[in-house]
């Protein structure tokens, strides 16, 4: 489902994100509703701000990708 620009603009305002953060969220396959649901509340001090949360997701995915590439290289060398 394609989300309207209006929904993304509303999410950008509510989550206090910039254009780069919105582009990152789209690349990660997230939608505006998931971002707004992850806005930390005062009763949820363990939640990171949405901007930080996005960066953590990106770092985890990059780490997994690098590990897979390394494993594939090692397997090809072993053959």
C-alpha atoms as a PDB file:
ATOM      1  CA  UNK A   1       0.000   0.000   0.000  1.00  0.00           C
ATOM      2  CA  UNK A   2       1.365   3.388  -0.976  1.00  0.00           C
ATOM      3  CA  UNK A   3       1.121   6.028   1.718  1.00  0.00           C
ATOM      4  CA  UNK A   4       0.227   9.566   0.782  1.00  0.00           C
ATOM      5  CA  UNK A   5       2.629  12.458   1.035  1.00  0.00           C
ATOM      6  CA  UNK A   6       0.241  13.994   3.536  1.00  0.00           C
ATOM      7  CA  UNK A   7       0.676  11.021   5.888  1.00  0.00           C
ATOM      8  CA  UNK A   8       4.462  11.230   5.585  1.00  0.00           C
ATOM      9  CA  UNK A   9       4.387  14.996   6.225  1.00  0.00           C
ATOM     10  CA  UNK A  10       2.237  14.457   9.321  1.00  0.00           C
ATOM     11  CA  UNK A  11       4.614  11.762  10.525  1.00  0.00           C
ATOM     12  CA  UNK A  12       7.596  14.039   9.882  1.00  0.00           C
ATOM     13  CA  UNK A  13       6.039  16.731  12.049  1.00  0.00           C
ATOM     14  CA  UNK A  14       4.916  14.423  14.870  1.00  0.00           C
ATOM     15  CA  UNK A  15       8.173  12.469  15.066  1.00  0.00           C
ATOM     16  CA  UNK A  16      10.386  15.521  14.529  1.00  0.00           C
ATOM     17  CA  UNK A  17      12.197  13.991  11.577  1.00  0.00           C
ATOM     18  CA  UNK A  18      13.929  15.557   8.609  1.00  0.00           C
ATOM     19  CA  UNK A  19      13.812  14.624   4.928  1.00  0.00           C
ATOM     20  CA  UNK A  20      16.785  12.253   5.257  1.00  0.00           C
ATOM     21  CA  UNK A  21      15.111  10.393   8.131  1.00  0.00           C
ATOM     22  CA  UNK A  22      11.916   9.970   6.123  1.00  0.00           C
ATOM     23  CA  UNK A  23      13.930   8.642   3.174  1.00  0.00           C
ATOM     24  CA  UNK A  24      15.691   6.198   5.511  1.00  0.00           C
ATOM     25  CA  UNK A  25      12.359   4.982   6.891  1.00  0.00           C
ATOM     26  CA  UNK A  26      11.077   4.405   3.366  1.00  0.00           C
ATOM     27  CA  UNK A  27      14.258   2.484   2.429  1.00  0.00           C
ATOM     28  CA  UNK A  28      13.823   0.324   5.519  1.00  0.00           C
ATOM     29  CA  UNK A  29      10.267  -0.452   4.451  1.00  0.00           C
ATOM     30  CA  UNK A  30       8.595   1.278   7.373  1.00  0.00           C
ATOM     31  CA  UNK A  31       5.360   3.196   7.102  1.00  0.00           C
ATOM     32  CA  UNK A  32       4.171   6.421   8.747  1.00  0.00           C
ATOM     33  CA  UNK A  33       1.882   4.576  11.142  1.00  0.00           C
ATOM     34  CA  UNK A  34       4.696   2.430  12.518  1.00  0.00           C
ATOM     35  CA  UNK A  35       6.826   5.520  13.095  1.00  0.00           C
ATOM     36  CA  UNK A  36       4.120   7.413  14.952  1.00  0.00           C
ATOM     37  CA  UNK A  37       3.341   4.346  17.068  1.00  0.00           C
ATOM     38  CA  UNK A  38       6.957   4.320  18.238  1.00  0.00           C
ATOM     39  CA  UNK A  39       7.015   7.853  19.588  1.00  0.00           C
ATOM     40  CA  UNK A  40       8.112   7.493  23.219  1.00  0.00           C
ATOM     41  CA  UNK A  41       5.661   8.522  25.902  1.00  0.00           C
ATOM     42  CA  UNK A  42       6.650   9.897  29.308  1.00  0.00           C
ATOM     43  CA  UNK A  43       5.620   6.567  30.844  1.00  0.00           C
ATOM     44  CA  UNK A  44       7.956   4.729  28.424  1.00  0.00           C
ATOM     45  CA  UNK A  45      11.441   5.974  29.310  1.00  0.00           C
ATOM     46  CA  UNK A  46      13.102   2.919  27.738  1.00  0.00           C
ATOM     47  CA  UNK A  47      11.976   3.886  24.230  1.00  0.00           C
ATOM     48  CA  UNK A  48      14.463   5.786  22.130  1.00  0.00           C
ATOM     49  CA  UNK A  49      13.358   8.745  20.021  1.00  0.00           C
ATOM     50  CA  UNK A  50      12.170   7.742  16.552  1.00  0.00           C
ATOM     51  CA  UNK A  51      15.259   9.246  14.885  1.00  0.00           C
ATOM     52  CA  UNK A  52      17.566   7.144  17.073  1.00  0.00           C
ATOM     53  CA  UNK A  53      15.369   4.068  16.595  1.00  0.00           C
ATOM     54  CA  UNK A  54      15.683   4.399  12.806  1.00  0.00           C
ATOM     55  CA  UNK A  55      19.482   4.643  13.017  1.00  0.00           C
ATOM     56  CA  UNK A  56      19.612   1.527  15.224  1.00  0.00           C
ATOM     57  CA  UNK A  57      17.513  -0.462  12.744  1.00  0.00           C
ATOM     58  CA  UNK A  58      19.775   0.645   9.896  1.00  0.00           C
ATOM     59  CA  UNK A  59      22.910  -0.307  11.851  1.00  0.00           C
ATOM     60  CA  UNK A  60      21.532  -3.775  12.654  1.00  0.00           C
ATOM     61  CA  UNK A  61      20.619  -4.428   9.020  1.00  0.00           C
ATOM     62  CA  UNK A  62      24.020  -3.249   7.797  1.00  0.00           C
ATOM     63  CA  UNK A  63      25.742  -5.485  10.346  1.00  0.00           C
ATOM     64  CA  UNK A  64      23.739  -8.518   9.189  1.00  0.00           C
ATOM     65  CA  UNK A  65      24.502  -7.748   5.559  1.00  0.00           C
ATOM     66  CA  UNK A  66      28.234  -7.512   6.252  1.00  0.00           C
ATOM     67  CA  UNK A  67      28.168 -10.785   8.181  1.00  0.00           C
ATOM     68  CA  UNK A  68      26.395 -12.551   5.307  1.00  0.00           C
ATOM     69  CA  UNK A  69      28.879 -11.195   2.776  1.00  0.00           C
ATOM     70  CA  UNK A  70      31.801 -12.281   4.930  1.00  0.00           C
ATOM     71  CA  UNK A  71      30.329 -15.755   5.345  1.00  0.00           C
ATOM     72  CA  UNK A  72      29.748 -16.082   1.598  1.00  0.00           C
ATOM     73  CA  UNK A  73      33.328 -15.032   0.862  1.00  0.00           C
ATOM     74  CA  UNK A  74      34.670 -17.601   3.347  1.00  0.00           C
ATOM     75  CA  UNK A  75      32.490 -20.323   1.802  1.00  0.00           C
ATOM     76  CA  UNK A  76      33.656 -19.493  -1.710  1.00  0.00           C
ATOM     77  CA  UNK A  77      37.296 -19.577  -0.593  1.00  0.00           C
ATOM     78  CA  UNK A  78      36.788 -22.959   1.106  1.00  0.00           C
ATOM     79  CA  UNK A  79      35.474 -24.471  -2.136  1.00  0.00           C
END
